[in-house]
Amino acid sequence: MRGFLDSARWAGLVAGLFQGGCGYRLVQPDAPGPIPVMRLGDIQDRTTEGDLGLCAVRGLRDGLSTAGGVALRGDDDGTTPRLEGALELGPERTAGFADWGAAFEVELRGRFTLERADAPWPVWRSGDVVARVLYARGPTATAHEANRRVALEMACTALATRLLERLADRPPVPVESPE
């Protein structure tokens, strides 16, 4: 069991190293060129965990600072794009059984918008951003919950990475009026 957990942590570390080399280039919806400044707004945590929103903000901040090119701004001047969203847990599933035990899957879902105070509606919507991570059942309830917690944090980091990739792949373009 311990070997499996060490392998899972090693895989997470390797994935983190590979994602650290990605450069995100976010493009403005109404002007040519990259977005020079962005604010991270509220990310609502609609889960029972209570702190996954903070984990997502940390992942986004780390991803943007690693990529460079986008300065994060704390105050709002009215024209700085602000990224906001909400997180929800998807269903937890049994992923499989083996002689060493059972594997489970956690799913974290998020929906995000890029908003500006001077725009009447969001200038960009992410649609569903989903991250799924497998974890092994622990030999005790405490160990099982610790494994689940590590998987949730890994899912949070993966979700932040997928969101940044989506912003880079599909640059923000004006969204039609909701009316």
Protein backbone atom coordinates (compact mmCIF):
# COMPACT_ATOMS: atom_id res chain seq x y z
CA MET A 1 0.00 0.00 0.00
CA ARG A 2 2.79 2.39 0.92
CA GLY A 3 4.48 1.73 -2.42
CA PHE A 4 1.29 2.70 -4.24
CA LEU A 5 1.03 6.00 -2.34
CA ASP A 6 4.70 6.77 -2.99
CA SER A 7 4.09 6.05 -6.69
CA ALA A 8 1.04 8.34 -6.74
CA ARG A 9 2.97 11.18 -5.12
CA TRP A 10 5.89 10.65 -7.53
CA ALA A 11 3.49 10.79 -10.49
CA GLY A 12 2.01 14.02 -9.14
CA LEU A 13 5.48 15.54 -8.80
CA VAL A 14 6.46 14.56 -12.35
CA ALA A 15 3.17 15.98 -13.71
CA GLY A 16 3.83 19.21 -11.82
CA LEU A 17 7.30 19.50 -13.31
CA PHE A 18 5.97 19.04 -16.83
CA GLN A 19 3.19 21.58 -16.36
CA GLY A 20 5.67 24.10 -14.94
CA GLY A 21 7.27 24.40 -18.36
CA CYS A 22 4.07 25.45 -20.12
CA GLY A 23 3.81 29.10 -21.06
CA TYR A 24 0.30 30.51 -21.09
CA ARG A 25 -0.44 33.44 -23.37
CA LEU A 26 -3.82 34.98 -22.63
CA VAL A 27 -5.27 37.18 -25.34
CA GLN A 28 -7.54 40.19 -24.82
CA PRO A 29 -11.05 40.00 -26.30
CA ASP A 30 -11.20 43.55 -27.61
CA ALA A 31 -7.59 44.35 -28.51
CA PRO A 32 -4.75 42.56 -30.23
CA GLY A 33 -2.06 41.06 -28.06
CA PRO A 34 -1.90 39.34 -24.72
CA ILE A 35 -3.73 40.31 -21.54
CA PRO A 36 -1.10 42.23 -19.54
CA VAL A 37 -2.98 42.32 -16.21
CA MET A 38 -5.62 40.12 -14.56
CA ARG A 39 -7.37 39.91 -11.20
CA LEU A 40 -8.29 36.71 -9.44
CA GLY A 41 -11.77 37.24 -8.04
CA ASP A 42 -13.84 34.97 -5.85
CA ILE A 43 -13.87 31.28 -6.51
CA GLN A 44 -16.85 29.92 -4.63
CA ASP A 45 -16.38 26.59 -2.92
CA ARG A 46 -19.72 24.78 -3.24
CA THR A 47 -18.25 21.57 -1.84
CA THR A 48 -18.38 20.14 1.66
CA GLU A 49 -14.61 20.54 1.94
CA GLY A 50 -14.63 24.29 2.49
CA ASP A 51 -11.13 25.15 1.26
CA LEU A 52 -10.91 23.95 -2.34
CA GLY A 53 -11.61 27.47 -3.62
CA LEU A 54 -8.43 28.66 -1.90
CA CYS A 55 -6.56 25.70 -3.38
CA ALA A 56 -7.80 26.67 -6.87
CA VAL A 57 -6.76 30.31 -6.39
CA ARG A 58 -3.31 29.15 -5.28
CA GLY A 59 -3.04 26.89 -8.35
CA LEU A 60 -4.10 29.70 -10.69
CA ARG A 61 -1.72 32.17 -9.07
CA ASP A 62 1.16 29.69 -9.29
CA GLY A 63 0.34 28.84 -12.92
CA LEU A 64 0.17 32.47 -13.99
CA SER A 65 3.36 33.45 -12.14
CA THR A 66 5.25 30.48 -13.60
CA ALA A 67 4.12 31.30 -17.13
CA GLY A 68 4.96 34.98 -16.85
CA GLY A 69 3.57 37.63 -19.13
CA VAL A 70 0.42 38.26 -17.05
CA ALA A 71 0.68 40.49 -13.99
CA LEU A 72 -1.79 39.81 -11.19
CA ARG A 73 -3.44 42.89 -9.79
CA GLY A 74 -5.08 43.18 -6.38
CA ASP A 75 -7.16 46.32 -6.82
CA ASP A 76 -9.91 46.88 -9.37
CA ASP A 77 -9.64 49.82 -11.76
CA GLY A 78 -12.82 48.83 -13.61
CA THR A 79 -11.15 47.64 -16.81
CA THR A 80 -8.92 44.86 -15.44
CA PRO A 81 -10.36 41.44 -16.36
CA ARG A 82 -11.42 39.50 -13.26
CA LEU A 83 -11.56 35.70 -13.23
CA GLU A 84 -14.35 34.31 -11.04
CA GLY A 85 -15.94 30.92 -10.70
CA ALA A 86 -17.41 28.14 -8.61
CA LEU A 87 -16.26 24.63 -7.69
CA GLU A 88 -18.39 21.55 -7.09
CA LEU A 89 -17.57 17.95 -6.28
CA GLY A 90 -18.75 15.40 -8.77
CA PRO A 91 -19.72 11.88 -7.79
CA GLU A 92 -17.05 9.78 -6.10
CA ARG A 93 -16.77 6.39 -7.75
CA THR A 94 -15.12 3.08 -7.09
CA ALA A 95 -12.61 2.81 -9.90
CA GLY A 96 -11.49 -0.77 -9.40
CA PHE A 97 -10.30 -3.53 -7.15
CA ALA A 98 -6.99 -5.37 -6.97
CA ASP A 99 -5.28 -7.71 -4.54
CA TRP A 100 -3.83 -4.68 -2.72
CA GLY A 101 -7.23 -3.01 -2.23
CA ALA A 102 -9.68 -0.67 -3.90
CA ALA A 103 -9.16 2.48 -5.92
CA PHE A 104 -11.56 5.41 -5.89
CA GLU A 105 -11.97 8.44 -8.13
CA VAL A 106 -12.74 12.00 -7.05
CA GLU A 107 -14.10 14.50 -9.54
CA LEU A 108 -13.85 18.26 -9.19
CA ARG A 109 -15.85 20.52 -11.53
CA GLY A 110 -15.57 24.24 -12.06
CA ARG A 111 -17.24 26.93 -14.15
CA PHE A 112 -15.45 30.22 -14.62
CA THR A 113 -16.06 33.61 -16.17
CA LEU A 114 -13.80 36.47 -17.12
CA GLU A 115 -15.55 39.70 -16.25
CA ARG A 116 -14.88 43.42 -16.43
CA ALA A 117 -16.69 46.07 -14.42
CA ASP A 118 -17.25 48.13 -17.58
CA ALA A 119 -18.93 45.22 -19.42
CA PRO A 120 -22.62 44.38 -18.79
CA TRP A 121 -22.01 40.60 -18.94
CA PRO A 122 -19.03 38.25 -18.79
CA VAL A 123 -16.57 38.62 -21.65
CA TRP A 124 -15.65 34.92 -21.51
CA ARG A 125 -17.08 31.69 -20.07
CA SER A 126 -15.14 28.51 -19.53
CA GLY A 127 -17.93 25.96 -19.65
CA ASP A 128 -17.32 22.91 -17.45
CA VAL A 129 -13.71 22.35 -16.46
CA VAL A 130 -13.28 18.87 -14.95
CA ALA A 131 -10.43 17.13 -13.16
CA ARG A 132 -10.52 13.49 -11.98
CA VAL A 133 -7.92 11.83 -9.76
CA LEU A 134 -7.64 8.24 -8.53
CA TYR A 135 -6.64 7.34 -5.00
CA ALA A 136 -6.20 4.14 -3.02
CA ARG A 137 -8.36 3.17 -0.09
CA GLY A 138 -6.36 3.38 3.10
CA PRO A 139 -6.13 0.55 5.64
CA THR A 140 -7.89 2.73 8.23
CA ALA A 141 -10.55 5.41 8.00
CA THR A 142 -7.96 8.07 8.86
CA ALA A 143 -5.57 6.86 6.15
CA HIS A 144 -8.41 6.63 3.64
CA GLU A 145 -9.45 10.24 4.35
CA ALA A 146 -5.81 11.39 4.08
CA ASN A 147 -5.50 9.70 0.65
CA ARG A 148 -8.79 11.30 -0.44
CA ARG A 149 -7.55 14.71 0.70
CA VAL A 150 -4.32 14.37 -1.30
CA ALA A 151 -6.40 13.37 -4.35
CA LEU A 152 -8.66 16.43 -3.93
CA GLU A 153 -5.65 18.75 -3.76
CA MET A 154 -4.18 17.11 -6.88
CA ALA A 155 -7.57 17.53 -8.63
CA CYS A 156 -7.60 21.19 -7.62
CA THR A 157 -4.16 21.77 -9.14
CA ALA A 158 -5.14 19.85 -12.30
CA LEU A 159 -8.34 21.89 -12.61
CA ALA A 160 -6.39 25.16 -12.37
CA THR A 161 -3.97 23.94 -15.04
CA ARG A 162 -6.84 22.91 -17.35
CA LEU A 163 -8.51 26.29 -16.88
CA LEU A 164 -5.32 28.14 -17.82
CA GLU A 165 -4.86 25.88 -20.84
CA ARG A 166 -8.43 26.59 -21.90
CA LEU A 167 -7.86 30.33 -21.56
CA ALA A 168 -4.71 30.03 -23.68
CA ASP A 169 -6.25 27.69 -26.29
CA ARG A 170 -9.54 29.51 -26.64
CA PRO A 171 -8.73 33.15 -25.96
CA PRO A 172 -11.45 35.26 -24.42
CA VAL A 173 -13.81 36.53 -27.05
CA PRO A 174 -16.89 38.64 -26.38
CA VAL A 175 -19.86 36.59 -25.22
CA GLU A 176 -23.26 37.34 -26.70
CA SER A 177 -25.65 39.25 -24.50
CA PRO A 178 -27.60 36.84 -22.28
CA GLU A 179 -30.85 38.54 -23.37
